[in-house]
Every structure is written in C-alpha cells, then in structure tokens.
C-alpha cells in the first residue's frame, strides 16, 4: 500500500494551492497515492503551537505517512518528527534559525535546540531538496541538515525557493522512487 503524502506549506500561504502544489497533488493522485493537501490554521505566521497539534490531531500524521514540507513547512516537519514516528519526510528549502525574520521568530520553531537524533530515529527516509540560488535560506542551513540528518540530497541548479515553479518533476521522481 502506498503511503499518504501530507503537504505542509510554508508561512504566508493563504491557501495550500500555491505554485507547484496543485500539480504535485494531481500527479500523486494519478499514481494512486492517498494525499492530504489543506490550508493549515494560522497560515500566515505558521506558529508551531497551532501547526504541530494540527498535524497530530486533525491530520493524524503517523508511521505510514510522508511529510512533504516546503520552507517553513519543512521546519514544521522536522519539529513534528522530533516527537512522532513517520515513514519519511521531504524537506524543501528548510531553515533552522529564524533568519532574523519577524514572522519566523513568532513561529516558535526556533525556541528550543534541534533534536537531530530524534528526527532521524523517528523516520526511515529523509530527503533534502534545495535550490543552489535560494535567496531566503542560507546554504549553511542545508549543510547543517545534511550533516545532522544524512538525507538524500536533491540540489537543483539555478533554482531559488521554488516559488515560481508550476511543476516539480524532481520531487515527484523522488516520491515514486522512494515510496513505490
């Protein structure tokens, strides 16, 4: 049975269907994957005090699920994996500090140290996807995640933060290959 793919959008998202997300959901459905694509509560600030309980209680993300988090959503996916078993995660352009950004500071994701061992231990697969020209997340964040989580790394040349994309074949290929 194919795992459920749960999309965790980034902050400042008024609706989940931004950029490449509708294309990705459609492709997953075509390939027979159960999905969860919804706008999260508190979608502008994306505070952990709302998002992590939402993933646990409403979405009921668990050991048969893959979290595909984008930007702040990838940060939420890592925090969720600290205390919950999941099948895997795909971390797209994640950050590990508040970047001196007021919205990120308010999120609460950076108030405690990262528990890298728990994040690794609570899932079988981790992938890190980033663009080599990301204007928002410093490369050092990706390097730290690479060092701490030993993920499959998908670095995409001449790519920024994936905002302008209408499709994302590299992401779909990863899902099809890793979770057939």
N, C-alpha and C. Protein backbone atom coordinates (compact mmCIF):
# COMPACT_ATOMS: atom_id res chain seq x y z
N UNK A 1 0.85 -1.19 0.00
CA UNK A 1 0.00 0.00 0.00
C UNK A 1 0.89 1.25 0.00
N UNK A 2 0.52 2.22 -0.80
CA UNK A 2 1.30 3.45 -0.90
C UNK A 2 1.04 4.34 0.32
N UNK A 3 2.08 5.05 0.76
CA UNK A 3 1.89 5.92 1.92
C UNK A 3 1.08 7.16 1.57
N UNK A 4 0.49 7.73 2.58
CA UNK A 4 -0.20 9.01 2.40
C UNK A 4 0.86 10.11 2.35
N UNK A 5 0.72 11.00 1.39
CA UNK A 5 1.63 12.13 1.24
C UNK A 5 0.92 13.36 1.81
N UNK A 6 1.52 13.93 2.85
CA UNK A 6 0.96 15.09 3.54
C UNK A 6 1.77 16.32 3.16
N UNK A 7 1.12 17.29 2.56
CA UNK A 7 1.79 18.52 2.16
C UNK A 7 1.69 19.54 3.28
N UNK A 8 2.85 20.04 3.71
CA UNK A 8 2.92 21.06 4.75
C UNK A 8 3.47 22.33 4.09
N UNK A 9 2.60 23.31 3.79
CA UNK A 9 3.04 24.51 3.08
C UNK A 9 3.88 25.42 3.97
N UNK A 10 4.44 26.44 3.36
CA UNK A 10 5.21 27.42 4.12
C UNK A 10 4.31 28.50 4.71
N UNK A 11 4.92 29.40 5.49
CA UNK A 11 4.14 30.50 6.05
C UNK A 11 3.76 31.48 4.94
N UNK A 12 2.92 32.41 5.29
CA UNK A 12 2.39 33.40 4.36
C UNK A 12 1.59 32.78 3.22
N UNK A 13 1.05 31.59 3.47
CA UNK A 13 0.23 30.90 2.47
C UNK A 13 -1.24 31.10 2.82
N UNK A 14 -1.95 31.82 1.98
CA UNK A 14 -3.38 32.00 2.25
C UNK A 14 -4.18 30.77 1.83
N UNK A 15 -3.58 29.93 0.99
CA UNK A 15 -4.21 28.69 0.57
C UNK A 15 -3.11 27.71 0.17
N UNK A 16 -3.34 26.43 0.36
CA UNK A 16 -2.30 25.43 0.06
C UNK A 16 -1.95 25.39 -1.42
N UNK A 17 -2.87 25.79 -2.30
CA UNK A 17 -2.69 25.60 -3.75
C UNK A 17 -1.87 26.70 -4.39
N UNK A 18 -0.64 26.81 -3.96
CA UNK A 18 0.27 27.85 -4.44
C UNK A 18 1.38 27.21 -5.27
N UNK A 19 1.78 27.90 -6.32
CA UNK A 19 2.92 27.47 -7.17
C UNK A 19 2.70 26.04 -7.68
N UNK A 20 3.62 25.13 -7.39
CA UNK A 20 3.65 23.77 -7.92
C UNK A 20 2.76 22.79 -7.15
N UNK A 21 2.21 23.19 -6.00
CA UNK A 21 1.46 22.26 -5.15
C UNK A 21 0.25 21.62 -5.86
N UNK A 22 -0.59 22.36 -6.62
CA UNK A 22 -1.71 21.69 -7.30
C UNK A 22 -1.24 20.64 -8.31
N UNK A 23 -0.18 20.95 -9.05
CA UNK A 23 0.38 19.99 -10.00
C UNK A 23 0.85 18.73 -9.26
N UNK A 24 1.57 18.92 -8.17
CA UNK A 24 2.10 17.80 -7.39
C UNK A 24 0.97 16.92 -6.86
N UNK A 25 -0.06 17.53 -6.30
CA UNK A 25 -1.20 16.75 -5.80
C UNK A 25 -1.84 15.95 -6.93
N UNK A 26 -2.05 16.59 -8.07
CA UNK A 26 -2.66 15.88 -9.20
C UNK A 26 -1.83 14.69 -9.66
N UNK A 27 -0.52 14.86 -9.70
CA UNK A 27 0.37 13.76 -10.10
C UNK A 27 0.33 12.62 -9.09
N UNK A 28 0.32 12.96 -7.82
CA UNK A 28 0.25 11.92 -6.78
C UNK A 28 -1.04 11.11 -6.91
N UNK A 29 -2.14 11.80 -7.12
CA UNK A 29 -3.44 11.12 -7.27
C UNK A 29 -3.41 10.20 -8.49
N UNK A 30 -2.84 10.69 -9.60
CA UNK A 30 -2.72 9.86 -10.81
C UNK A 30 -1.95 8.57 -10.54
N UNK A 31 -0.96 8.65 -9.64
CA UNK A 31 -0.13 7.50 -9.33
C UNK A 31 -0.66 6.68 -8.15
N UNK A 32 -1.85 7.01 -7.68
CA UNK A 32 -2.51 6.19 -6.67
C UNK A 32 -2.12 6.45 -5.22
N UNK A 33 -1.54 7.60 -4.93
CA UNK A 33 -1.16 7.92 -3.55
C UNK A 33 -2.32 8.61 -2.83
N UNK A 34 -2.63 8.19 -1.62
CA UNK A 34 -3.55 8.98 -0.81
C UNK A 34 -2.84 10.27 -0.42
N UNK A 35 -3.56 11.37 -0.33
CA UNK A 35 -2.92 12.66 -0.07
C UNK A 35 -3.68 13.45 1.00
N UNK A 36 -2.99 14.39 1.58
CA UNK A 36 -3.59 15.41 2.43
C UNK A 36 -3.01 16.74 1.99
N UNK A 37 -3.82 17.57 1.38
CA UNK A 37 -3.45 18.92 0.96
C UNK A 37 -4.55 19.84 1.48
N UNK A 38 -4.26 20.60 2.53
CA UNK A 38 -5.20 21.54 3.10
C UNK A 38 -4.44 22.78 3.56
N UNK A 39 -5.14 23.87 3.64
CA UNK A 39 -4.57 25.07 4.22
C UNK A 39 -4.52 24.86 5.73
N UNK A 40 -3.38 25.14 6.33
CA UNK A 40 -3.21 24.96 7.76
C UNK A 40 -3.77 26.17 8.51
N UNK A 41 -4.15 25.98 9.78
CA UNK A 41 -4.60 27.14 10.57
C UNK A 41 -3.43 28.10 10.78
N UNK A 42 -3.72 29.35 11.03
CA UNK A 42 -2.67 30.33 11.28
C UNK A 42 -1.66 30.32 10.12
N UNK A 43 -2.17 30.31 8.90
CA UNK A 43 -1.33 30.06 7.73
C UNK A 43 -0.33 31.17 7.41
N UNK A 44 -0.54 32.36 7.90
CA UNK A 44 0.40 33.45 7.62
C UNK A 44 1.64 33.34 8.51
N UNK A 45 1.43 33.21 9.82
CA UNK A 45 2.57 33.13 10.74
C UNK A 45 3.07 31.70 10.88
N UNK A 46 2.17 30.73 10.78
CA UNK A 46 2.54 29.31 10.83
C UNK A 46 3.14 28.92 12.17
N UNK A 47 2.53 29.33 13.24
CA UNK A 47 3.07 29.06 14.57
C UNK A 47 3.00 27.58 14.95
N UNK A 48 4.07 27.13 15.56
CA UNK A 48 4.18 25.72 15.96
C UNK A 48 3.07 25.33 16.93
N UNK A 49 2.62 26.23 17.76
CA UNK A 49 1.58 25.89 18.75
C UNK A 49 0.25 25.54 18.08
N UNK A 50 0.08 25.93 16.83
CA UNK A 50 -1.11 25.55 16.07
C UNK A 50 -0.81 24.42 15.09
N UNK A 51 0.33 24.49 14.41
CA UNK A 51 0.63 23.54 13.35
C UNK A 51 0.94 22.13 13.86
N UNK A 52 1.72 22.03 14.91
CA UNK A 52 2.08 20.69 15.38
C UNK A 52 0.86 19.94 15.93
N UNK A 53 -0.01 20.58 16.73
CA UNK A 53 -1.24 19.88 17.12
C UNK A 53 -2.16 19.58 15.93
N UNK A 54 -2.18 20.47 14.94
CA UNK A 54 -2.99 20.22 13.74
C UNK A 54 -2.50 18.95 13.04
N UNK A 55 -1.18 18.80 12.90
CA UNK A 55 -0.63 17.59 12.28
C UNK A 55 -0.96 16.35 13.10
N UNK A 56 -0.91 16.47 14.41
CA UNK A 56 -1.16 15.32 15.28
C UNK A 56 -2.65 14.98 15.37
N UNK A 57 -3.49 15.96 15.63
CA UNK A 57 -4.89 15.71 15.95
C UNK A 57 -5.81 15.71 14.72
N UNK A 58 -5.64 16.66 13.83
CA UNK A 58 -6.51 16.75 12.66
C UNK A 58 -6.02 15.85 11.52
N UNK A 59 -4.78 16.01 11.16
CA UNK A 59 -4.21 15.23 10.06
C UNK A 59 -3.92 13.80 10.52
N UNK A 60 -3.57 13.65 11.78
CA UNK A 60 -3.18 12.36 12.37
C UNK A 60 -2.01 11.73 11.61
N UNK A 61 -0.99 12.55 11.39
CA UNK A 61 0.23 12.08 10.71
C UNK A 61 0.91 11.03 11.57
N UNK A 62 1.25 9.91 10.93
CA UNK A 62 1.84 8.81 11.69
C UNK A 62 2.81 7.97 10.88
N UNK A 63 3.06 6.75 11.32
CA UNK A 63 4.14 5.92 10.77
C UNK A 63 3.97 5.49 9.31
N UNK A 64 2.80 5.68 8.74
CA UNK A 64 2.58 5.31 7.34
C UNK A 64 2.53 6.54 6.43
N UNK A 65 2.94 7.67 6.95
CA UNK A 65 2.81 8.93 6.23
C UNK A 65 4.17 9.55 5.90
N UNK A 66 4.18 10.32 4.81
CA UNK A 66 5.35 11.08 4.39
C UNK A 66 4.97 12.56 4.44
N UNK A 67 5.73 13.33 5.18
CA UNK A 67 5.51 14.78 5.24
C UNK A 67 6.36 15.44 4.18
N UNK A 68 5.73 16.18 3.28
CA UNK A 68 6.43 16.97 2.28
C UNK A 68 6.27 18.42 2.71
N UNK A 69 7.32 18.95 3.34
CA UNK A 69 7.26 20.30 3.86
C UNK A 69 8.06 21.25 3.00
N UNK A 70 7.48 22.41 2.76
CA UNK A 70 8.13 23.43 1.92
C UNK A 70 8.40 24.66 2.77
N UNK A 71 9.66 25.08 2.83
CA UNK A 71 10.08 26.28 3.54
C UNK A 71 9.73 26.14 5.03
N UNK A 72 8.89 26.99 5.58
CA UNK A 72 8.51 26.86 6.99
C UNK A 72 7.80 25.53 7.25
N UNK A 73 7.15 25.01 6.23
CA UNK A 73 6.51 23.70 6.37
C UNK A 73 7.52 22.59 6.56
N UNK A 74 8.70 22.74 5.97
CA UNK A 74 9.77 21.75 6.18
C UNK A 74 10.31 21.85 7.60
N UNK A 75 10.38 23.06 8.11
CA UNK A 75 10.79 23.26 9.50
C UNK A 75 9.78 22.59 10.43
N UNK A 76 8.49 22.78 10.14
CA UNK A 76 7.43 22.13 10.93
C UNK A 76 7.56 20.60 10.85
N UNK A 77 7.86 20.08 9.67
CA UNK A 77 8.01 18.63 9.51
C UNK A 77 9.15 18.09 10.37
N UNK A 78 10.25 18.83 10.42
CA UNK A 78 11.36 18.39 11.27
C UNK A 78 10.97 18.41 12.74
N UNK A 79 10.32 19.47 13.17
CA UNK A 79 9.88 19.54 14.58
C UNK A 79 8.86 18.44 14.90
N UNK A 80 7.97 18.16 13.98
CA UNK A 80 7.00 17.09 14.20
C UNK A 80 7.70 15.75 14.38
N UNK A 81 8.71 15.50 13.58
CA UNK A 81 9.44 14.23 13.63
C UNK A 81 10.26 14.08 14.91
N UNK A 82 10.47 15.16 15.64
CA UNK A 82 11.18 15.03 16.92
C UNK A 82 10.39 14.16 17.91
N UNK A 83 9.06 14.19 17.80
CA UNK A 83 8.22 13.52 18.80
C UNK A 83 7.20 12.56 18.22
N UNK A 84 7.26 12.30 16.90
CA UNK A 84 6.28 11.43 16.26
C UNK A 84 6.96 10.55 15.23
N UNK A 85 6.56 9.30 15.19
CA UNK A 85 7.03 8.39 14.15
C UNK A 85 6.29 8.71 12.86
N UNK A 86 7.06 8.85 11.78
CA UNK A 86 6.50 9.00 10.45
C UNK A 86 7.32 8.09 9.53
N UNK A 87 6.80 7.81 8.35
CA UNK A 87 7.56 7.00 7.40
C UNK A 87 8.75 7.77 6.86
N UNK A 88 8.53 9.04 6.53
CA UNK A 88 9.61 9.84 5.98
C UNK A 88 9.21 11.28 5.80
N UNK A 89 10.20 12.07 5.37
CA UNK A 89 9.93 13.47 5.09
C UNK A 89 10.76 13.93 3.90
N UNK A 90 10.21 14.91 3.21
CA UNK A 90 10.92 15.60 2.15
C UNK A 90 10.96 17.06 2.59
N UNK A 91 12.16 17.56 2.83
CA UNK A 91 12.36 18.90 3.35
C UNK A 91 12.79 19.81 2.20
N UNK A 92 11.87 20.66 1.77
CA UNK A 92 12.13 21.52 0.62
C UNK A 92 12.46 22.93 1.12
N UNK A 93 13.70 23.35 0.91
CA UNK A 93 14.17 24.68 1.27
C UNK A 93 13.90 25.03 2.73
N UNK A 94 14.28 24.14 3.67
CA UNK A 94 14.02 24.41 5.09
C UNK A 94 15.03 25.38 5.70
N UNK A 95 14.63 26.00 6.80
CA UNK A 95 15.58 26.80 7.57
C UNK A 95 15.65 26.23 8.98
N UNK A 96 16.74 26.53 9.67
CA UNK A 96 16.93 26.01 11.02
C UNK A 96 17.11 27.12 12.06
N UNK A 97 17.03 28.38 11.61
CA UNK A 97 17.00 29.53 12.52
C UNK A 97 15.90 30.47 12.04
N UNK A 98 15.64 31.49 12.83
CA UNK A 98 14.58 32.43 12.45
C UNK A 98 15.01 33.43 11.38
N UNK A 99 16.26 33.37 10.95
CA UNK A 99 16.78 34.22 9.87
C UNK A 99 16.61 35.72 10.15
N UNK A 100 16.45 36.07 11.41
CA UNK A 100 16.18 37.46 11.80
C UNK A 100 14.93 38.01 11.12
N UNK A 101 13.99 37.12 10.86
CA UNK A 101 12.71 37.48 10.23
C UNK A 101 11.63 37.44 11.30
N UNK A 102 10.84 38.50 11.39
CA UNK A 102 9.84 38.61 12.45
C UNK A 102 8.81 37.48 12.42
N UNK A 103 8.31 37.12 11.24
CA UNK A 103 7.35 36.01 11.17
C UNK A 103 7.97 34.71 11.64
N UNK A 104 9.20 34.46 11.21
CA UNK A 104 9.87 33.23 11.64
C UNK A 104 10.09 33.23 13.15
N UNK A 105 10.43 34.38 13.73
CA UNK A 105 10.61 34.47 15.18
C UNK A 105 9.32 34.12 15.90
N UNK A 106 8.20 34.59 15.38
CA UNK A 106 6.90 34.33 16.02
C UNK A 106 6.47 32.87 15.90
N UNK A 107 7.06 32.13 14.98
CA UNK A 107 6.61 30.76 14.73
C UNK A 107 6.82 29.84 15.92
N UNK A 108 7.85 30.08 16.72
CA UNK A 108 8.12 29.22 17.86
C UNK A 108 8.98 28.01 17.53
N UNK A 109 9.30 27.80 16.27
CA UNK A 109 10.09 26.63 15.88
C UNK A 109 11.55 26.71 16.31
N UNK A 110 11.99 27.90 16.66
CA UNK A 110 13.42 28.08 16.94
C UNK A 110 13.68 28.40 18.41
N UNK A 111 12.69 28.15 19.26
CA UNK A 111 12.80 28.46 20.68
C UNK A 111 13.58 27.40 21.46
N UNK A 112 13.74 26.24 20.91
CA UNK A 112 14.46 25.16 21.59
C UNK A 112 15.49 24.56 20.63
N UNK A 113 16.53 23.93 21.18
CA UNK A 113 17.54 23.32 20.31
C UNK A 113 16.94 22.18 19.47
N UNK A 114 17.54 21.96 18.32
CA UNK A 114 17.11 20.87 17.46
C UNK A 114 17.51 19.53 18.07
N UNK A 115 16.62 18.55 17.98
CA UNK A 115 16.89 17.20 18.47
C UNK A 115 17.10 16.30 17.25
N UNK A 116 18.26 16.44 16.63
CA UNK A 116 18.57 15.77 15.37
C UNK A 116 18.45 14.25 15.47
N UNK A 117 18.94 13.67 16.56
CA UNK A 117 18.88 12.20 16.69
C UNK A 117 17.45 11.70 16.69
N UNK A 118 16.55 12.42 17.36
CA UNK A 118 15.14 12.02 17.38
C UNK A 118 14.52 12.15 15.98
N UNK A 119 14.86 13.24 15.29
CA UNK A 119 14.31 13.45 13.95
C UNK A 119 14.71 12.27 13.05
N UNK A 120 15.97 11.88 13.12
CA UNK A 120 16.47 10.74 12.33
C UNK A 120 15.80 9.44 12.74
N UNK A 121 15.75 9.20 14.05
CA UNK A 121 15.25 7.92 14.57
C UNK A 121 13.76 7.71 14.32
N UNK A 122 13.01 8.78 14.19
CA UNK A 122 11.55 8.67 14.06
C UNK A 122 11.06 8.54 12.63
N UNK A 123 11.97 8.30 11.69
CA UNK A 123 11.55 8.10 10.30
C UNK A 123 12.58 7.27 9.55
N UNK A 124 12.12 6.60 8.51
CA UNK A 124 13.01 5.74 7.72
C UNK A 124 13.74 6.50 6.63
N UNK A 125 13.09 7.51 6.05
CA UNK A 125 13.65 8.22 4.90
C UNK A 125 13.57 9.73 5.13
N UNK A 126 14.65 10.41 4.79
CA UNK A 126 14.66 11.87 4.81
C UNK A 126 15.30 12.33 3.50
N UNK A 127 14.67 13.28 2.86
CA UNK A 127 15.26 13.90 1.67
C UNK A 127 15.32 15.41 1.90
N UNK A 128 16.37 16.01 1.41
CA UNK A 128 16.56 17.45 1.47
C UNK A 128 16.61 17.96 0.04
N UNK A 129 15.71 18.88 -0.29
CA UNK A 129 15.63 19.44 -1.64
C UNK A 129 15.85 20.95 -1.52
N UNK A 130 16.81 21.44 -2.30
CA UNK A 130 17.03 22.89 -2.27
C UNK A 130 17.61 23.38 -3.59
N UNK A 131 17.41 24.67 -3.82
CA UNK A 131 17.98 25.31 -4.99
C UNK A 131 19.31 25.94 -4.65
N UNK A 132 20.24 25.88 -5.55
CA UNK A 132 21.57 26.42 -5.26
C UNK A 132 21.62 27.95 -5.30
N UNK A 133 20.49 28.58 -5.64
CA UNK A 133 20.43 30.05 -5.65
C UNK A 133 19.31 30.57 -4.74
N UNK A 134 19.00 29.81 -3.68
CA UNK A 134 17.92 30.19 -2.77
C UNK A 134 18.24 31.56 -2.13
N UNK A 135 17.36 32.57 -2.32
CA UNK A 135 17.63 33.90 -1.78
C UNK A 135 17.20 34.06 -0.31
N UNK A 136 16.46 33.10 0.23
CA UNK A 136 15.91 33.23 1.58
C UNK A 136 16.67 32.41 2.61
N UNK A 137 17.03 31.19 2.26
CA UNK A 137 17.67 30.29 3.21
C UNK A 137 19.15 30.17 2.88
N UNK A 138 20.02 30.53 3.82
CA UNK A 138 21.46 30.41 3.57
C UNK A 138 21.88 28.95 3.37
N UNK A 139 22.83 28.75 2.52
CA UNK A 139 23.34 27.40 2.22
C UNK A 139 23.79 26.67 3.48
N UNK A 140 24.26 27.40 4.48
CA UNK A 140 24.72 26.76 5.73
C UNK A 140 23.59 25.97 6.39
N UNK A 141 22.36 26.41 6.24
CA UNK A 141 21.23 25.67 6.81
C UNK A 141 21.13 24.29 6.15
N UNK A 142 21.26 24.26 4.84
CA UNK A 142 21.19 22.99 4.11
C UNK A 142 22.36 22.09 4.51
N UNK A 143 23.53 22.70 4.66
CA UNK A 143 24.72 21.91 5.04
C UNK A 143 24.57 21.31 6.43
N UNK A 144 23.99 22.07 7.36
CA UNK A 144 23.77 21.55 8.71
C UNK A 144 22.78 20.39 8.69
N UNK A 145 21.69 20.55 7.95
CA UNK A 145 20.70 19.47 7.85
C UNK A 145 21.33 18.24 7.21
N UNK A 146 22.15 18.45 6.19
CA UNK A 146 22.86 17.34 5.54
C UNK A 146 23.72 16.60 6.55
N UNK A 147 24.47 17.33 7.34
CA UNK A 147 25.37 16.74 8.33
C UNK A 147 24.59 16.01 9.42
N UNK A 148 23.53 16.62 9.91
CA UNK A 148 22.81 16.08 11.06
C UNK A 148 21.83 14.95 10.72
N UNK A 149 21.21 14.99 9.55
CA UNK A 149 20.17 14.01 9.22
C UNK A 149 20.59 12.99 8.16
N UNK A 150 21.71 13.19 7.51
CA UNK A 150 22.17 12.29 6.43
C UNK A 150 21.05 11.99 5.43
N UNK A 151 20.40 13.01 4.92
CA UNK A 151 19.29 12.79 3.99
C UNK A 151 19.79 12.47 2.58
N UNK A 152 18.86 12.00 1.75
CA UNK A 152 19.12 12.01 0.32
C UNK A 152 19.08 13.48 -0.08
N UNK A 153 20.08 13.95 -0.78
CA UNK A 153 20.16 15.36 -1.15
C UNK A 153 19.81 15.53 -2.62
N UNK A 154 18.88 16.44 -2.87
CA UNK A 154 18.50 16.79 -4.23
C UNK A 154 18.72 18.29 -4.37
N UNK A 155 19.90 18.65 -4.87
CA UNK A 155 20.23 20.05 -5.11
C UNK A 155 19.90 20.36 -6.56
N UNK A 156 19.15 21.43 -6.76
CA UNK A 156 18.70 21.76 -8.10
C UNK A 156 19.41 23.04 -8.55
N UNK A 157 20.16 22.91 -9.65
CA UNK A 157 20.95 24.03 -10.17
C UNK A 157 20.05 25.15 -10.69
N UNK A 158 20.51 26.37 -10.50
CA UNK A 158 19.83 27.58 -10.98
C UNK A 158 18.41 27.71 -10.44
N UNK A 159 18.16 27.14 -9.27
CA UNK A 159 16.83 27.20 -8.66
C UNK A 159 16.89 28.07 -7.42
N UNK A 160 15.79 28.76 -7.15
CA UNK A 160 15.73 29.64 -5.99
C UNK A 160 14.95 28.96 -4.86
N UNK A 161 13.78 29.45 -4.50
CA UNK A 161 13.00 28.93 -3.37
C UNK A 161 11.75 28.18 -3.86
N UNK A 162 11.71 27.88 -5.14
CA UNK A 162 10.66 27.07 -5.78
C UNK A 162 9.32 27.80 -5.89
N UNK A 163 9.30 29.10 -5.69
CA UNK A 163 8.06 29.87 -5.72
C UNK A 163 7.52 30.02 -7.14
N UNK A 164 8.41 30.17 -8.10
CA UNK A 164 7.98 30.43 -9.48
C UNK A 164 7.59 29.17 -10.23
N UNK A 165 7.80 28.02 -9.66
CA UNK A 165 7.53 26.75 -10.35
C UNK A 165 6.05 26.45 -10.46
N UNK A 166 5.69 25.84 -11.58
CA UNK A 166 4.33 25.34 -11.75
C UNK A 166 4.30 23.82 -11.71
N UNK A 167 5.47 23.20 -11.80
CA UNK A 167 5.58 21.75 -11.65
C UNK A 167 6.87 21.47 -10.88
N UNK A 168 7.08 20.20 -10.54
CA UNK A 168 8.24 19.87 -9.72
C UNK A 168 8.59 18.39 -9.97
N UNK A 169 9.05 18.09 -11.21
CA UNK A 169 9.30 16.68 -11.56
C UNK A 169 10.34 16.00 -10.67
N UNK A 170 11.33 16.72 -10.19
CA UNK A 170 12.35 16.11 -9.33
C UNK A 170 11.72 15.59 -8.03
N UNK A 171 10.77 16.34 -7.49
CA UNK A 171 10.08 15.92 -6.28
C UNK A 171 9.23 14.68 -6.54
N UNK A 172 8.48 14.71 -7.62
CA UNK A 172 7.65 13.55 -7.96
C UNK A 172 8.52 12.31 -8.18
N UNK A 173 9.63 12.46 -8.89
CA UNK A 173 10.53 11.32 -9.14
C UNK A 173 11.05 10.74 -7.82
N UNK A 174 11.37 11.60 -6.87
CA UNK A 174 11.83 11.11 -5.57
C UNK A 174 10.75 10.28 -4.88
N UNK A 175 9.53 10.80 -4.87
CA UNK A 175 8.43 10.07 -4.22
C UNK A 175 8.20 8.73 -4.90
N UNK A 176 8.14 8.71 -6.22
CA UNK A 176 7.89 7.47 -6.96
C UNK A 176 9.00 6.44 -6.73
N UNK A 177 10.23 6.90 -6.63
CA UNK A 177 11.37 6.01 -6.43
C UNK A 177 11.46 5.50 -4.98
N UNK A 178 11.21 6.36 -4.02
CA UNK A 178 11.41 6.03 -2.61
C UNK A 178 10.21 5.32 -2.00
N UNK A 179 9.02 5.65 -2.46
CA UNK A 179 7.79 5.11 -1.90
C UNK A 179 6.92 4.51 -3.00
N UNK A 180 7.42 3.46 -3.70
CA UNK A 180 6.67 2.93 -4.86
C UNK A 180 5.33 2.28 -4.48
